[in-house]
Amino acid sequence: MNVTISIMIISMTLSTALMTLNYWLTLMKPDNEKLSPYECGFDPLQSARLPFSIRFFLVAILFLLFDLEIALLLPLPWAIQLSNPTYSFAWAFIILLLLTLGLIYEWIQGGLEWAE
């Protein structure tokens, strides 16, 4: 028998046995709370559209911006091995300077204060 066929037969048998065991052992007692489509805590009689604060989106954008900064600066340690690493360090310094100036601007404008 081929090794690939035997691996496929073993994996199919094992997955079928585990699914059957899961079906037999799980305790399912559905009630009206569990069967309702609103299990997330929202009242189904109110509006489904809840207003979000713009500050939530600002924090999310700032998080993505600083996450992008990490992705841009990740190759920096490998830039030391280049013949002329000064350009890489200059670009990294420019990126960090722009992000720092943007953060200072947001701080001065009050964009980082959560209380309204």
N, C-alpha and C. Protein backbone atom coordinates (compact mmCIF):
# COMPACT_ATOMS: atom_id res chain seq x y z
N MET A 1 0.84 -1.17 0.00
CA MET A 1 0.00 0.00 0.00
C MET A 1 0.89 1.24 0.00
N ASN A 2 0.47 2.21 -0.72
CA ASN A 2 1.23 3.44 -0.83
C ASN A 2 1.17 4.21 0.51
N VAL A 3 2.25 4.93 0.83
CA VAL A 3 2.32 5.67 2.09
C VAL A 3 1.28 6.79 2.11
N THR A 4 1.10 7.45 1.00
CA THR A 4 0.13 8.55 0.93
C THR A 4 -1.29 8.05 1.18
N ILE A 5 -1.63 6.91 0.58
CA ILE A 5 -2.98 6.36 0.77
C ILE A 5 -3.18 5.93 2.22
N SER A 6 -2.17 5.32 2.82
CA SER A 6 -2.31 4.91 4.22
C SER A 6 -2.45 6.11 5.15
N ILE A 7 -1.72 7.20 4.88
CA ILE A 7 -1.87 8.41 5.71
C ILE A 7 -3.26 9.00 5.55
N MET A 8 -3.78 9.00 4.32
CA MET A 8 -5.13 9.53 4.10
C MET A 8 -6.18 8.68 4.82
N ILE A 9 -6.03 7.35 4.78
CA ILE A 9 -6.98 6.47 5.45
C ILE A 9 -6.93 6.66 6.96
N ILE A 10 -5.73 6.78 7.51
CA ILE A 10 -5.58 7.00 8.96
C ILE A 10 -6.19 8.34 9.36
N SER A 11 -5.93 9.39 8.60
CA SER A 11 -6.47 10.71 8.96
C SER A 11 -7.98 10.75 8.84
N MET A 12 -8.53 10.12 7.81
CA MET A 12 -10.00 10.09 7.67
C MET A 12 -10.64 9.28 8.81
N THR A 13 -10.04 8.15 9.16
CA THR A 13 -10.57 7.33 10.24
C THR A 13 -10.51 8.08 11.58
N LEU A 14 -9.37 8.71 11.84
CA LEU A 14 -9.21 9.44 13.09
C LEU A 14 -10.16 10.63 13.18
N SER A 15 -10.31 11.38 12.09
CA SER A 15 -11.22 12.53 12.14
C SER A 15 -12.66 12.09 12.28
N THR A 16 -13.05 11.02 11.61
CA THR A 16 -14.42 10.52 11.75
C THR A 16 -14.68 10.02 13.18
N ALA A 17 -13.71 9.32 13.75
CA ALA A 17 -13.87 8.84 15.12
C ALA A 17 -13.96 10.00 16.11
N LEU A 18 -13.15 11.04 15.93
CA LEU A 18 -13.21 12.18 16.84
C LEU A 18 -14.51 12.97 16.70
N MET A 19 -15.00 13.13 15.48
CA MET A 19 -16.28 13.83 15.30
C MET A 19 -17.43 13.05 15.91
N THR A 20 -17.42 11.73 15.75
CA THR A 20 -18.47 10.90 16.34
C THR A 20 -18.41 10.95 17.86
N LEU A 21 -17.22 10.88 18.42
CA LEU A 21 -17.05 10.97 19.87
C LEU A 21 -17.52 12.32 20.40
N ASN A 22 -17.23 13.39 19.68
CA ASN A 22 -17.68 14.72 20.07
C ASN A 22 -19.20 14.81 20.03
N TYR A 23 -19.81 14.23 19.03
CA TYR A 23 -21.28 14.28 18.92
C TYR A 23 -21.94 13.53 20.06
N TRP A 24 -21.35 12.40 20.48
CA TRP A 24 -21.94 11.61 21.55
C TRP A 24 -21.70 12.22 22.92
N LEU A 25 -20.58 12.86 23.14
CA LEU A 25 -20.23 13.32 24.48
C LEU A 25 -20.71 14.73 24.81
N THR A 26 -21.01 15.55 23.82
CA THR A 26 -21.41 16.93 24.13
C THR A 26 -22.82 16.95 24.69
N LEU A 27 -23.00 17.84 25.64
CA LEU A 27 -24.29 18.01 26.29
C LEU A 27 -24.99 19.21 25.66
N MET A 28 -26.05 18.93 24.91
CA MET A 28 -26.77 20.02 24.25
C MET A 28 -28.18 20.12 24.83
N LYS A 29 -28.43 21.24 25.49
CA LYS A 29 -29.76 21.53 26.01
C LYS A 29 -30.18 22.91 25.51
N PRO A 30 -30.73 23.01 24.32
CA PRO A 30 -31.13 24.32 23.80
C PRO A 30 -32.34 24.86 24.53
N ASP A 31 -32.33 26.16 24.78
CA ASP A 31 -33.47 26.85 25.34
C ASP A 31 -33.71 28.12 24.53
N ASN A 32 -34.67 28.93 24.98
CA ASN A 32 -35.03 30.13 24.21
C ASN A 32 -33.89 31.15 24.16
N GLU A 33 -33.12 31.25 25.24
CA GLU A 33 -31.99 32.20 25.26
C GLU A 33 -30.92 31.80 24.24
N LYS A 34 -30.59 30.52 24.22
CA LYS A 34 -29.55 30.06 23.32
C LYS A 34 -29.99 30.07 21.86
N LEU A 35 -31.24 29.86 21.62
CA LEU A 35 -31.73 29.81 20.24
C LEU A 35 -32.04 31.18 19.67
N SER A 36 -32.03 32.20 20.49
CA SER A 36 -32.31 33.54 19.98
C SER A 36 -31.10 34.06 19.20
N PRO A 37 -31.32 34.88 18.18
CA PRO A 37 -30.19 35.36 17.36
C PRO A 37 -29.38 36.45 18.05
N TYR A 38 -29.84 36.97 19.19
CA TYR A 38 -29.14 38.06 19.86
C TYR A 38 -28.45 37.55 21.12
N GLU A 39 -27.42 36.76 20.96
CA GLU A 39 -26.69 36.24 22.10
C GLU A 39 -25.58 37.18 22.55
N CYS A 40 -25.36 38.26 21.85
CA CYS A 40 -24.21 39.11 22.13
C CYS A 40 -24.50 40.17 23.20
N GLY A 41 -25.67 40.23 23.74
CA GLY A 41 -25.95 41.17 24.81
C GLY A 41 -26.75 42.39 24.37
N PHE A 42 -27.01 42.55 23.10
CA PHE A 42 -27.80 43.68 22.63
C PHE A 42 -29.28 43.37 22.78
N ASP A 43 -30.04 44.38 23.09
CA ASP A 43 -31.48 44.24 23.19
C ASP A 43 -32.06 44.15 21.79
N PRO A 44 -32.80 43.11 21.44
CA PRO A 44 -33.29 42.96 20.07
C PRO A 44 -34.39 43.96 19.70
N LEU A 45 -34.93 44.68 20.68
CA LEU A 45 -35.99 45.63 20.37
C LEU A 45 -35.49 47.03 20.08
N GLN A 46 -34.20 47.29 20.36
CA GLN A 46 -33.64 48.61 20.08
C GLN A 46 -33.01 48.63 18.69
N SER A 47 -32.47 49.77 18.34
CA SER A 47 -31.82 49.92 17.04
C SER A 47 -30.55 49.06 16.99
N ALA A 48 -30.32 48.45 15.85
CA ALA A 48 -29.13 47.61 15.69
C ALA A 48 -27.88 48.43 15.45
N ARG A 49 -28.02 49.68 15.10
CA ARG A 49 -26.88 50.54 14.81
C ARG A 49 -26.56 51.41 16.02
N LEU A 50 -25.44 51.09 16.67
CA LEU A 50 -25.01 51.86 17.84
C LEU A 50 -23.97 52.87 17.40
N PRO A 51 -24.06 54.10 17.88
CA PRO A 51 -23.08 55.11 17.47
C PRO A 51 -21.72 54.85 18.13
N PHE A 52 -20.66 54.95 17.33
CA PHE A 52 -19.30 54.82 17.84
C PHE A 52 -18.69 56.20 17.96
N SER A 53 -17.84 56.34 18.94
CA SER A 53 -17.12 57.59 19.09
C SER A 53 -16.01 57.65 18.05
N ILE A 54 -15.76 58.84 17.52
CA ILE A 54 -14.71 59.02 16.54
C ILE A 54 -13.34 58.79 17.16
N ARG A 55 -13.25 58.92 18.46
CA ARG A 55 -11.98 58.69 19.15
C ARG A 55 -11.56 57.22 19.07
N PHE A 56 -12.54 56.33 19.02
CA PHE A 56 -12.23 54.92 18.85
C PHE A 56 -11.50 54.69 17.53
N PHE A 57 -11.98 55.31 16.47
CA PHE A 57 -11.33 55.15 15.17
C PHE A 57 -9.98 55.84 15.14
N LEU A 58 -9.83 56.94 15.85
CA LEU A 58 -8.54 57.63 15.90
C LEU A 58 -7.50 56.75 16.58
N VAL A 59 -7.88 56.09 17.67
CA VAL A 59 -6.94 55.20 18.36
C VAL A 59 -6.61 54.01 17.46
N ALA A 60 -7.57 53.51 16.72
CA ALA A 60 -7.31 52.39 15.82
C ALA A 60 -6.36 52.80 14.70
N ILE A 61 -6.54 54.00 14.15
CA ILE A 61 -5.64 54.48 13.09
C ILE A 61 -4.25 54.71 13.64
N LEU A 62 -4.14 55.25 14.85
CA LEU A 62 -2.82 55.43 15.45
C LEU A 62 -2.13 54.10 15.70
N PHE A 63 -2.90 53.11 16.12
CA PHE A 63 -2.31 51.78 16.32
C PHE A 63 -1.79 51.23 15.00
N LEU A 64 -2.57 51.36 13.93
CA LEU A 64 -2.12 50.87 12.63
C LEU A 64 -0.90 51.64 12.14
N LEU A 65 -0.85 52.93 12.42
CA LEU A 65 0.29 53.74 11.99
C LEU A 65 1.56 53.30 12.69
N PHE A 66 1.49 53.07 14.00
CA PHE A 66 2.69 52.65 14.71
C PHE A 66 3.03 51.19 14.42
N ASP A 67 2.04 50.39 14.06
CA ASP A 67 2.32 49.04 13.63
C ASP A 67 3.04 49.06 12.28
N LEU A 68 2.65 49.97 11.42
CA LEU A 68 3.34 50.14 10.13
C LEU A 68 4.76 50.63 10.35
N GLU A 69 4.94 51.45 11.35
CA GLU A 69 6.29 51.93 11.67
C GLU A 69 7.20 50.76 12.03
N ILE A 70 6.69 49.82 12.78
CA ILE A 70 7.50 48.66 13.15
C ILE A 70 7.83 47.85 11.91
N ALA A 71 6.88 47.72 11.00
CA ALA A 71 7.15 46.97 9.77
C ALA A 71 8.18 47.68 8.89
N LEU A 72 8.16 49.01 8.90
CA LEU A 72 9.14 49.74 8.10
C LEU A 72 10.53 49.71 8.71
N LEU A 73 10.60 49.68 10.03
CA LEU A 73 11.91 49.70 10.69
C LEU A 73 12.46 48.30 10.97
N LEU A 74 11.70 47.26 10.64
CA LEU A 74 12.16 45.91 10.89
C LEU A 74 13.45 45.56 10.14
N PRO A 75 13.64 45.96 8.88
CA PRO A 75 14.89 45.60 8.19
C PRO A 75 16.10 46.42 8.63
N LEU A 76 15.94 47.32 9.56
CA LEU A 76 17.05 48.19 9.96
C LEU A 76 18.26 47.44 10.51
N PRO A 77 18.11 46.41 11.33
CA PRO A 77 19.32 45.70 11.79
C PRO A 77 20.13 45.06 10.66
N TRP A 78 19.45 44.66 9.59
CA TRP A 78 20.16 44.08 8.46
C TRP A 78 20.84 45.15 7.61
N ALA A 79 20.44 46.39 7.79
CA ALA A 79 21.05 47.47 7.02
C ALA A 79 22.47 47.76 7.49
N ILE A 80 22.82 47.32 8.67
CA ILE A 80 24.18 47.52 9.17
C ILE A 80 25.18 46.76 8.29
N GLN A 81 24.75 45.67 7.68
CA GLN A 81 25.64 44.86 6.88
C GLN A 81 25.87 45.43 5.48
N LEU A 82 25.15 46.46 5.11
CA LEU A 82 25.35 47.07 3.80
C LEU A 82 26.69 47.80 3.75
N SER A 83 27.10 48.12 2.53
CA SER A 83 28.38 48.81 2.40
C SER A 83 28.30 50.25 2.90
N ASN A 84 27.13 50.89 2.73
CA ASN A 84 26.95 52.25 3.20
C ASN A 84 25.62 52.33 3.97
N PRO A 85 25.62 52.02 5.28
CA PRO A 85 24.37 51.98 6.03
C PRO A 85 23.84 53.35 6.43
N THR A 86 24.54 54.42 6.07
CA THR A 86 24.11 55.76 6.49
C THR A 86 22.76 56.13 5.88
N TYR A 87 22.51 55.72 4.65
CA TYR A 87 21.23 56.05 4.01
C TYR A 87 20.07 55.38 4.75
N SER A 88 20.25 54.13 5.13
CA SER A 88 19.20 53.42 5.85
C SER A 88 18.92 54.07 7.20
N PHE A 89 19.98 54.44 7.90
CA PHE A 89 19.79 55.11 9.19
C PHE A 89 19.15 56.48 9.02
N ALA A 90 19.49 57.17 7.95
CA ALA A 90 18.88 58.49 7.70
C ALA A 90 17.39 58.34 7.43
N TRP A 91 17.00 57.36 6.60
CA TRP A 91 15.58 57.15 6.32
C TRP A 91 14.83 56.71 7.58
N ALA A 92 15.44 55.86 8.37
CA ALA A 92 14.81 55.43 9.62
C ALA A 92 14.62 56.61 10.57
N PHE A 93 15.63 57.49 10.63
CA PHE A 93 15.51 58.67 11.48
C PHE A 93 14.40 59.59 10.97
N ILE A 94 14.28 59.74 9.66
CA ILE A 94 13.23 60.59 9.09
C ILE A 94 11.85 60.02 9.41
N ILE A 95 11.70 58.70 9.29
CA ILE A 95 10.41 58.07 9.60
C ILE A 95 10.05 58.27 11.07
N LEU A 96 11.01 58.04 11.95
CA LEU A 96 10.75 58.23 13.39
C LEU A 96 10.48 59.69 13.73
N LEU A 97 11.17 60.60 13.07
CA LEU A 97 10.94 62.02 13.32
C LEU A 97 9.54 62.44 12.88
N LEU A 98 9.10 61.99 11.70
CA LEU A 98 7.76 62.33 11.23
C LEU A 98 6.69 61.74 12.15
N LEU A 99 6.87 60.50 12.58
CA LEU A 99 5.89 59.91 13.48
C LEU A 99 5.87 60.60 14.83
N THR A 100 7.04 61.00 15.33
CA THR A 100 7.09 61.71 16.61
C THR A 100 6.42 63.07 16.49
N LEU A 101 6.67 63.78 15.40
CA LEU A 101 6.02 65.08 15.21
C LEU A 101 4.51 64.93 15.08
N GLY A 102 4.06 63.90 14.38
CA GLY A 102 2.61 63.65 14.28
C GLY A 102 1.99 63.31 15.62
N LEU A 103 2.70 62.53 16.42
CA LEU A 103 2.20 62.20 17.76
C LEU A 103 2.13 63.44 18.65
N ILE A 104 3.14 64.29 18.58
CA ILE A 104 3.13 65.54 19.36
C ILE A 104 1.98 66.43 18.91
N TYR A 105 1.74 66.50 17.60
CA TYR A 105 0.63 67.31 17.08
C TYR A 105 -0.71 66.78 17.59
N GLU A 106 -0.91 65.47 17.55
CA GLU A 106 -2.16 64.88 18.05
C GLU A 106 -2.32 65.13 19.54
N TRP A 107 -1.23 65.08 20.27
CA TRP A 107 -1.27 65.31 21.70
C TRP A 107 -1.66 66.74 22.01
N ILE A 108 -1.09 67.69 21.28
CA ILE A 108 -1.40 69.11 21.49
C ILE A 108 -2.84 69.41 21.11
N GLN A 109 -3.33 68.81 20.04
CA GLN A 109 -4.70 69.04 19.60
C GLN A 109 -5.74 68.38 20.50
N GLY A 110 -5.29 67.49 21.37
CA GLY A 110 -6.21 66.81 22.29
C GLY A 110 -6.84 65.57 21.70
N GLY A 111 -6.27 65.06 20.65
CA GLY A 111 -6.84 63.88 20.01
C GLY A 111 -6.62 62.60 20.76
N LEU A 112 -5.71 62.59 21.71
CA LEU A 112 -5.44 61.38 22.48
C LEU A 112 -6.21 61.31 23.79
N GLU A 113 -6.94 62.36 24.13
CA GLU A 113 -7.73 62.37 25.35
C GLU A 113 -9.06 61.67 25.08
N TRP A 114 -9.34 60.65 25.86
CA TRP A 114 -10.53 59.85 25.61
C TRP A 114 -11.80 60.52 26.14
N ALA A 115 -11.73 61.24 27.24
CA ALA A 115 -12.93 61.85 27.82
C ALA A 115 -13.39 63.00 26.93
N GLU A 116 -14.70 63.07 26.78
CA GLU A 116 -15.25 64.14 25.93
C GLU A 116 -15.83 65.25 26.77
